[in-house]
Amino acid sequence: MTINKSKKYEPCYLLALHSSSETFGVAVLDYRDPTNTKRNATFPIGKNLSNKIFSCVEKVLPSKAWKKLGRIAVSIGPGGFTGTRLSVVMARTLSEQIGCQLDGISSFKLMAPRLVQFLEISDQESPFWIIKELPRRGTIGGRYQVKYIHENNNEIIELNKPHLIKKSNHLRPALLAKEDISKDTIELLDICEQRHRNNQPSSWENVLPIYPTSP
């Protein structure tokens, strides 16, 4: 993947990539568009991602427009080893060659706004866990909390990124991880947009996949 950096282009697109499951999600926003319309698509391509990742992204944002990216966000897992790595590598390469910011967000943080509604009301102001059982590996969990900004507006803070948990730990309250790639990819793009508006710095060098290891 090579992009001509000798010519300057006006950045105008935000791109989100989510490949932490068998379904690949792509979402794009042209921030010159006054309607703030987000385009997104999901591709249930499983292990064929290595052969189709570029063509899938092109269906949402043609490659000729990649040089106009102003910021990228990518899900860093936990998820499938190969799929997560492929989208992270693509995002890092684009970010480095174009010179744009890159945000790496865990897949559990992306699903947290959807899942928090399933907590008991008494637990919704306290830290909570999102957990997932990994075959032959144990339990992976991330810790989150709702931060209330003002009425009808809040955000989820990631207190601890997903990691393997010792069996002796009793995680309460806890929600089971549940993916909705279409919604989670839009959430990823929303985070990208917010950070872009706030001019929040983020380097591609710091964005790495989450591969759970022993606690």
C-alpha atoms as a PDB file:
ATOM      1  CA  MET A   1       0.000   0.000   0.000  1.00  0.00           C
ATOM      2  CA  THR A   2       1.646   3.230  -1.154  1.00  0.00           C
ATOM      3  CA  ILE A   3       0.167   6.707  -1.064  1.00  0.00           C
ATOM      4  CA  ASN A   4       1.733   9.699  -2.774  1.00  0.00           C
ATOM      5  CA  LYS A   5       2.785  12.068   0.025  1.00  0.00           C
ATOM      6  CA  SER A   6       4.468  14.563  -2.279  1.00  0.00           C
ATOM      7  CA  LYS A   7       1.150  16.217  -3.112  1.00  0.00           C
ATOM      8  CA  LYS A   8      -0.919  17.833  -0.374  1.00  0.00           C
ATOM      9  CA  TYR A   9      -4.603  16.961  -0.154  1.00  0.00           C
ATOM     10  CA  GLU A  10      -7.273  18.567   1.983  1.00  0.00           C
ATOM     11  CA  PRO A  11      -8.393  15.999   4.586  1.00  0.00           C
ATOM     12  CA  CYS A  12     -12.141  15.563   4.744  1.00  0.00           C
ATOM     13  CA  TYR A  13     -12.914  11.921   5.614  1.00  0.00           C
ATOM     14  CA  LEU A  14     -13.039   9.926   8.842  1.00  0.00           C
ATOM     15  CA  LEU A  15     -12.741   6.151   8.577  1.00  0.00           C
ATOM     16  CA  ALA A  16     -13.607   3.374  11.073  1.00  0.00           C
ATOM     17  CA  LEU A  17     -12.526  -0.277  10.701  1.00  0.00           C
ATOM     18  CA  HIS A  18     -13.830  -3.113  12.899  1.00  0.00           C
ATOM     19  CA  SER A  19     -12.632  -6.675  12.283  1.00  0.00           C
ATOM     20  CA  SER A  20     -12.679  -8.259  15.740  1.00  0.00           C
ATOM     21  CA  SER A  21     -15.196 -10.901  14.637  1.00  0.00           C
ATOM     22  CA  GLU A  22     -16.087 -12.930  11.550  1.00  0.00           C
ATOM     23  CA  THR A  23     -17.873  -9.837  10.221  1.00  0.00           C
ATOM     24  CA  PHE A  24     -15.856  -6.864   8.971  1.00  0.00           C
ATOM     25  CA  GLY A  25     -17.338  -3.422   9.583  1.00  0.00           C
ATOM     26  CA  VAL A  26     -16.456  -0.209   7.739  1.00  0.00           C
ATOM     27  CA  ALA A  27     -17.869   3.269   8.336  1.00  0.00           C
ATOM     28  CA  VAL A  28     -17.042   6.654   6.790  1.00  0.00           C
ATOM     29  CA  LEU A  29     -17.948  10.271   7.445  1.00  0.00           C
ATOM     30  CA  ASP A  30     -17.293  13.192   5.114  1.00  0.00           C
ATOM     31  CA  TYR A  31     -17.096  16.062   7.598  1.00  0.00           C
ATOM     32  CA  ARG A  32     -17.723  18.606   4.853  1.00  0.00           C
ATOM     33  CA  ASP A  33     -21.249  17.187   4.557  1.00  0.00           C
ATOM     34  CA  PRO A  34     -23.656  19.428   6.512  1.00  0.00           C
ATOM     35  CA  THR A  35     -26.093  16.520   6.939  1.00  0.00           C
ATOM     36  CA  ASN A  36     -23.432  14.603   8.938  1.00  0.00           C
ATOM     37  CA  THR A  37     -24.458  11.398   7.143  1.00  0.00           C
ATOM     38  CA  LYS A  38     -22.414   8.333   8.069  1.00  0.00           C
ATOM     39  CA  ARG A  39     -21.966   5.556   5.508  1.00  0.00           C
ATOM     40  CA  ASN A  40     -21.365   2.071   6.838  1.00  0.00           C
ATOM     41  CA  ALA A  41     -21.401  -1.521   5.678  1.00  0.00           C
ATOM     42  CA  THR A  42     -20.715  -4.964   7.129  1.00  0.00           C
ATOM     43  CA  PHE A  43     -19.117  -7.874   5.311  1.00  0.00           C
ATOM     44  CA  PRO A  44     -19.554 -11.431   6.723  1.00  0.00           C
ATOM     45  CA  ILE A  45     -16.384 -12.703   5.059  1.00  0.00           C
ATOM     46  CA  GLY A  46     -14.791 -14.621   7.925  1.00  0.00           C
ATOM     47  CA  LYS A  47     -11.305 -15.894   7.161  1.00  0.00           C
ATOM     48  CA  ASN A  48     -11.338 -14.348   3.671  1.00  0.00           C
ATOM     49  CA  LEU A  49     -10.568 -10.932   5.143  1.00  0.00           C
ATOM     50  CA  SER A  50      -6.914 -11.145   4.132  1.00  0.00           C
ATOM     51  CA  ASN A  51      -7.960 -11.332   0.474  1.00  0.00           C
ATOM     52  CA  LYS A  52     -10.864  -8.890   0.625  1.00  0.00           C
ATOM     53  CA  ILE A  53     -10.041  -6.210   3.178  1.00  0.00           C
ATOM     54  CA  PHE A  54      -9.040  -3.613   0.558  1.00  0.00           C
ATOM     55  CA  SER A  55     -12.015  -4.276  -1.711  1.00  0.00           C
ATOM     56  CA  CYS A  56     -14.428  -4.083   1.253  1.00  0.00           C
ATOM     57  CA  VAL A  57     -13.080  -0.696   2.326  1.00  0.00           C
ATOM     58  CA  GLU A  58     -13.218   0.507  -1.284  1.00  0.00           C
ATOM     59  CA  LYS A  59     -16.947  -0.272  -1.428  1.00  0.00           C
ATOM     60  CA  VAL A  60     -17.500   2.338   1.298  1.00  0.00           C
ATOM     61  CA  LEU A  61     -14.643   4.738   0.495  1.00  0.00           C
ATOM     62  CA  PRO A  62     -12.887   4.435  -2.917  1.00  0.00           C
ATOM     63  CA  SER A  63      -9.103   4.121  -2.653  1.00  0.00           C
ATOM     64  CA  LYS A  64      -8.588   7.375  -4.584  1.00  0.00           C
ATOM     65  CA  ALA A  65     -10.088   9.165  -1.556  1.00  0.00           C
ATOM     66  CA  TRP A  66      -7.865   7.502   1.064  1.00  0.00           C
ATOM     67  CA  LYS A  67      -5.279  10.274   0.707  1.00  0.00           C
ATOM     68  CA  LYS A  68      -7.956  12.680   1.982  1.00  0.00           C
ATOM     69  CA  LEU A  69      -8.405  10.887   5.313  1.00  0.00           C
ATOM     70  CA  GLY A  70      -8.226  13.234   8.275  1.00  0.00           C
ATOM     71  CA  ARG A  71      -8.430  10.588  10.991  1.00  0.00           C
ATOM     72  CA  ILE A  72      -8.860   6.814  11.331  1.00  0.00           C
ATOM     73  CA  ALA A  73     -10.228   4.653  14.143  1.00  0.00           C
ATOM     74  CA  VAL A  74      -9.767   0.887  14.408  1.00  0.00           C
ATOM     75  CA  SER A  75     -11.011  -1.770  16.789  1.00  0.00           C
ATOM     76  CA  ILE A  76      -8.007  -3.388  18.492  1.00  0.00           C
ATOM     77  CA  GLY A  77      -9.853  -6.403  19.903  1.00  0.00           C
ATOM     78  CA  PRO A  78     -10.103  -8.663  21.723  1.00  0.00           C
ATOM     79  CA  GLY A  79     -11.138 -10.746  18.767  1.00  0.00           C
ATOM     80  CA  GLY A  80      -9.822 -13.107  16.148  1.00  0.00           C
ATOM     81  CA  PHE A  81      -6.032 -12.973  15.913  1.00  0.00           C
ATOM     82  CA  THR A  82      -5.776 -12.669  12.124  1.00  0.00           C
ATOM     83  CA  GLY A  83      -8.765 -10.401  11.511  1.00  0.00           C
ATOM     84  CA  THR A  84      -7.864  -7.901  14.214  1.00  0.00           C
ATOM     85  CA  ARG A  85      -4.234  -7.824  13.141  1.00  0.00           C
ATOM     86  CA  LEU A  86      -5.140  -7.203   9.483  1.00  0.00           C
ATOM     87  CA  SER A  87      -7.292  -4.146  10.133  1.00  0.00           C
ATOM     88  CA  VAL A  88      -4.818  -2.726  12.667  1.00  0.00           C
ATOM     89  CA  VAL A  89      -1.949  -3.117  10.203  1.00  0.00           C
ATOM     90  CA  MET A  90      -3.981  -1.467   7.444  1.00  0.00           C
ATOM     91  CA  ALA A  91      -4.990   1.415   9.729  1.00  0.00           C
ATOM     92  CA  ARG A  92      -1.424   1.922  11.003  1.00  0.00           C
ATOM     93  CA  THR A  93      -0.025   1.926   7.460  1.00  0.00           C
ATOM     94  CA  LEU A  94      -2.581   4.439   6.187  1.00  0.00           C
ATOM     95  CA  SER A  95      -2.073   6.673   9.221  1.00  0.00           C
ATOM     96  CA  GLU A  96       1.721   6.632   8.873  1.00  0.00           C
ATOM     97  CA  GLN A  97       1.742   7.268   5.121  1.00  0.00           C
ATOM     98  CA  ILE A  98      -0.948   9.970   5.131  1.00  0.00           C
ATOM     99  CA  GLY A  99       0.179  11.564   8.371  1.00  0.00           C
ATOM    100  CA  CYS A 100      -3.241  11.484  10.049  1.00  0.00           C
ATOM    101  CA  GLN A 101      -4.240  10.613  13.612  1.00  0.00           C
ATOM    102  CA  LEU A 102      -5.163   7.012  14.481  1.00  0.00           C
ATOM    103  CA  ASP A 103      -7.381   5.893  17.378  1.00  0.00           C
ATOM    104  CA  GLY A 104      -7.304   2.317  18.665  1.00  0.00           C
ATOM    105  CA  ILE A 105     -10.434   1.357  20.629  1.00  0.00           C
ATOM    106  CA  SER A 106     -11.200  -1.989  22.267  1.00  0.00           C
ATOM    107  CA  SER A 107     -14.195  -3.924  20.971  1.00  0.00           C
ATOM    108  CA  PHE A 108     -15.561  -4.175  24.538  1.00  0.00           C
ATOM    109  CA  LYS A 109     -15.583  -0.381  24.921  1.00  0.00           C
ATOM    110  CA  LEU A 110     -17.529  -0.120  21.664  1.00  0.00           C
ATOM    111  CA  MET A 111     -20.252  -2.489  22.873  1.00  0.00           C
ATOM    112  CA  ALA A 112     -20.394  -1.008  26.401  1.00  0.00           C
ATOM    113  CA  PRO A 113     -22.931   1.773  25.547  1.00  0.00           C
ATOM    114  CA  ARG A 114     -25.304  -0.896  24.195  1.00  0.00           C
ATOM    115  CA  LEU A 115     -24.860  -3.317  27.089  1.00  0.00           C
ATOM    116  CA  VAL A 116     -25.014  -0.924  30.037  1.00  0.00           C
ATOM    117  CA  GLN A 117     -28.815  -0.781  29.744  1.00  0.00           C
ATOM    118  CA  PHE A 118     -28.943  -4.434  30.873  1.00  0.00           C
ATOM    119  CA  LEU A 119     -27.455  -3.619  34.266  1.00  0.00           C
ATOM    120  CA  GLU A 120     -29.699  -3.284  37.280  1.00  0.00           C
ATOM    121  CA  ILE A 121     -30.573   0.383  37.770  1.00  0.00           C
ATOM    122  CA  SER A 122     -28.770   0.337  41.113  1.00  0.00           C
ATOM    123  CA  ASP A 123     -25.558  -0.763  39.354  1.00  0.00           C
ATOM    124  CA  GLN A 124     -25.562   1.725  36.478  1.00  0.00           C
ATOM    125  CA  GLU A 125     -23.566   4.373  38.331  1.00  0.00           C
ATOM    126  CA  SER A 126     -20.882   1.942  39.504  1.00  0.00           C
ATOM    127  CA  PRO A 127     -17.994   0.304  37.635  1.00  0.00           C
ATOM    128  CA  PHE A 128     -19.029  -2.834  35.762  1.00  0.00           C
ATOM    129  CA  TRP A 129     -17.339  -5.609  33.788  1.00  0.00           C
ATOM    130  CA  ILE A 130     -17.828  -6.946  30.290  1.00  0.00           C
ATOM    131  CA  ILE A 131     -16.613 -10.535  30.097  1.00  0.00           C
ATOM    132  CA  LYS A 132     -16.198 -13.297  27.551  1.00  0.00           C
ATOM    133  CA  GLU A 133     -15.189 -16.927  27.921  1.00  0.00           C
ATOM    134  CA  LEU A 134     -12.327 -17.987  25.654  1.00  0.00           C
ATOM    135  CA  PRO A 135     -12.025 -21.687  24.761  1.00  0.00           C
ATOM    136  CA  ARG A 136      -9.110 -23.257  26.662  1.00  0.00           C
ATOM    137  CA  ARG A 137      -7.934 -19.803  27.784  1.00  0.00           C
ATOM    138  CA  GLY A 138     -10.284 -18.651  30.528  1.00  0.00           C
ATOM    139  CA  THR A 139     -12.230 -15.430  31.021  1.00  0.00           C
ATOM    140  CA  ILE A 140     -11.345 -12.137  29.421  1.00  0.00           C
ATOM    141  CA  GLY A 141     -12.780  -9.002  30.952  1.00  0.00           C
ATOM    142  CA  GLY A 142     -12.703  -5.212  30.698  1.00  0.00           C
ATOM    143  CA  ARG A 143     -13.925  -2.761  33.344  1.00  0.00           C
ATOM    144  CA  TYR A 144     -16.096   0.271  32.533  1.00  0.00           C
ATOM    145  CA  GLN A 145     -18.082   3.086  34.097  1.00  0.00           C
ATOM    146  CA  VAL A 146     -20.702   5.538  32.898  1.00  0.00           C
ATOM    147  CA  LYS A 147     -19.566   9.148  33.081  1.00  0.00           C
ATOM    148  CA  TYR A 148     -22.510  11.493  33.157  1.00  0.00           C
ATOM    149  CA  ILE A 149     -21.823  14.759  31.329  1.00  0.00           C
ATOM    150  CA  HIS A 150     -25.294  16.323  31.488  1.00  0.00           C
ATOM    151  CA  GLU A 151     -28.895  15.240  31.049  1.00  0.00           C
ATOM    152  CA  ASN A 152     -29.388  12.741  28.203  1.00  0.00           C
ATOM    153  CA  ASN A 153     -25.676  12.756  27.448  1.00  0.00           C
ATOM    154  CA  ASN A 154     -23.033  10.464  28.903  1.00  0.00           C
ATOM    155  CA  GLU A 155     -20.020   8.469  27.857  1.00  0.00           C
ATOM    156  CA  ILE A 156     -18.397   5.198  28.854  1.00  0.00           C
ATOM    157  CA  ILE A 157     -14.960   5.311  30.450  1.00  0.00           C
ATOM    158  CA  GLU A 158     -12.692   2.285  30.052  1.00  0.00           C
ATOM    159  CA  LEU A 159     -11.142   1.762  33.500  1.00  0.00           C
ATOM    160  CA  ASN A 160      -9.283  -1.422  32.524  1.00  0.00           C
ATOM    161  CA  LYS A 161      -8.731  -2.709  28.993  1.00  0.00           C
ATOM    162  CA  PRO A 162      -9.812  -6.307  28.295  1.00  0.00           C
ATOM    163  CA  HIS A 163      -7.380  -8.837  29.761  1.00  0.00           C
ATOM    164  CA  LEU A 164      -7.383 -12.401  31.058  1.00  0.00           C
ATOM    165  CA  ILE A 165      -8.875 -12.693  34.539  1.00  0.00           C
ATOM    166  CA  LYS A 166      -7.835 -15.143  37.257  1.00  0.00           C
ATOM    167  CA  LYS A 167     -10.518 -17.724  37.945  1.00  0.00           C
ATOM    168  CA  SER A 168     -10.603 -16.727  41.618  1.00  0.00           C
ATOM    169  CA  ASN A 169     -11.786 -13.218  40.726  1.00  0.00           C
ATOM    170  CA  HIS A 170     -15.460 -12.527  41.312  1.00  0.00           C
ATOM    171  CA  LEU A 171     -16.516  -9.888  38.826  1.00  0.00           C
ATOM    172  CA  ARG A 172     -19.659  -8.056  39.867  1.00  0.00           C
ATOM    173  CA  PRO A 173     -21.627  -6.667  38.220  1.00  0.00           C
ATOM    174  CA  ALA A 174     -20.734  -8.280  34.907  1.00  0.00           C
ATOM    175  CA  LEU A 175     -22.273  -8.385  31.435  1.00  0.00           C
ATOM    176  CA  LEU A 176     -21.549 -10.943  28.751  1.00  0.00           C
ATOM    177  CA  ALA A 177     -19.897  -9.538  25.625  1.00  0.00           C
ATOM    178  CA  LYS A 178     -22.311  -9.383  22.697  1.00  0.00           C
ATOM    179  CA  GLU A 179     -21.296  -8.075  19.298  1.00  0.00           C
ATOM    180  CA  ASP A 180     -23.351  -5.987  16.910  1.00  0.00           C
ATOM    181  CA  ILE A 181     -20.749  -5.038  14.321  1.00  0.00           C
ATOM    182  CA  SER A 182     -22.941  -2.541  12.464  1.00  0.00           C
ATOM    183  CA  LYS A 183     -23.760  -0.542  15.611  1.00  0.00           C
ATOM    184  CA  ASP A 184     -20.275  -0.941  17.085  1.00  0.00           C
ATOM    185  CA  THR A 185     -18.623   0.336  13.904  1.00  0.00           C
ATOM    186  CA  ILE A 186     -20.812   3.448  14.015  1.00  0.00           C
ATOM    187  CA  GLU A 187     -19.853   3.883  17.683  1.00  0.00           C
ATOM    188  CA  LEU A 188     -16.209   3.646  16.603  1.00  0.00           C
ATOM    189  CA  LEU A 189     -16.779   6.334  13.977  1.00  0.00           C
ATOM    190  CA  ASP A 190     -18.559   8.528  16.558  1.00  0.00           C
ATOM    191  CA  ILE A 191     -15.503   8.327  18.840  1.00  0.00           C
ATOM    192  CA  CYS A 192     -13.277   9.166  15.887  1.00  0.00           C
ATOM    193  CA  GLU A 193     -15.448  12.182  15.063  1.00  0.00           C
ATOM    194  CA  GLN A 194     -15.466  13.451  18.647  1.00  0.00           C
ATOM    195  CA  ARG A 195     -11.693  13.183  18.946  1.00  0.00           C
ATOM    196  CA  HIS A 196     -11.260  14.864  15.585  1.00  0.00           C
ATOM    197  CA  ARG A 197     -13.394  17.805  16.706  1.00  0.00           C
ATOM    198  CA  ASN A 198     -11.386  18.057  19.938  1.00  0.00           C
ATOM    199  CA  ASN A 199      -8.082  17.872  18.024  1.00  0.00           C
ATOM    200  CA  GLN A 200      -7.050  15.041  20.313  1.00  0.00           C
ATOM    201  CA  PRO A 201      -3.596  13.730  19.352  1.00  0.00           C
ATOM    202  CA  SER A 202      -3.108   9.995  18.817  1.00  0.00           C
ATOM    203  CA  SER A 203      -0.177   8.284  17.106  1.00  0.00           C
ATOM    204  CA  TRP A 204      -0.287   5.148  14.969  1.00  0.00           C
ATOM    205  CA  GLU A 205       2.791   3.928  16.849  1.00  0.00           C
ATOM    206  CA  ASN A 206       0.722   3.423  20.011  1.00  0.00           C
ATOM    207  CA  VAL A 207      -2.091   1.443  18.371  1.00  0.00           C
ATOM    208  CA  LEU A 208      -1.586  -2.304  18.838  1.00  0.00           C
ATOM    209  CA  PRO A 209      -3.964  -5.288  18.843  1.00  0.00           C
ATOM    210  CA  ILE A 210      -5.131  -6.730  22.166  1.00  0.00           C
ATOM    211  CA  TYR A 211      -3.919 -10.321  22.418  1.00  0.00           C
ATOM    212  CA  PRO A 212      -4.928 -11.669  25.844  1.00  0.00           C
ATOM    213  CA  THR A 213      -2.063 -13.144  27.846  1.00  0.00           C
ATOM    214  CA  SER A 214      -1.862 -14.634  31.297  1.00  0.00           C
ATOM    215  CA  PRO A 215      -2.900 -12.257  34.102  1.00  0.00           C
END
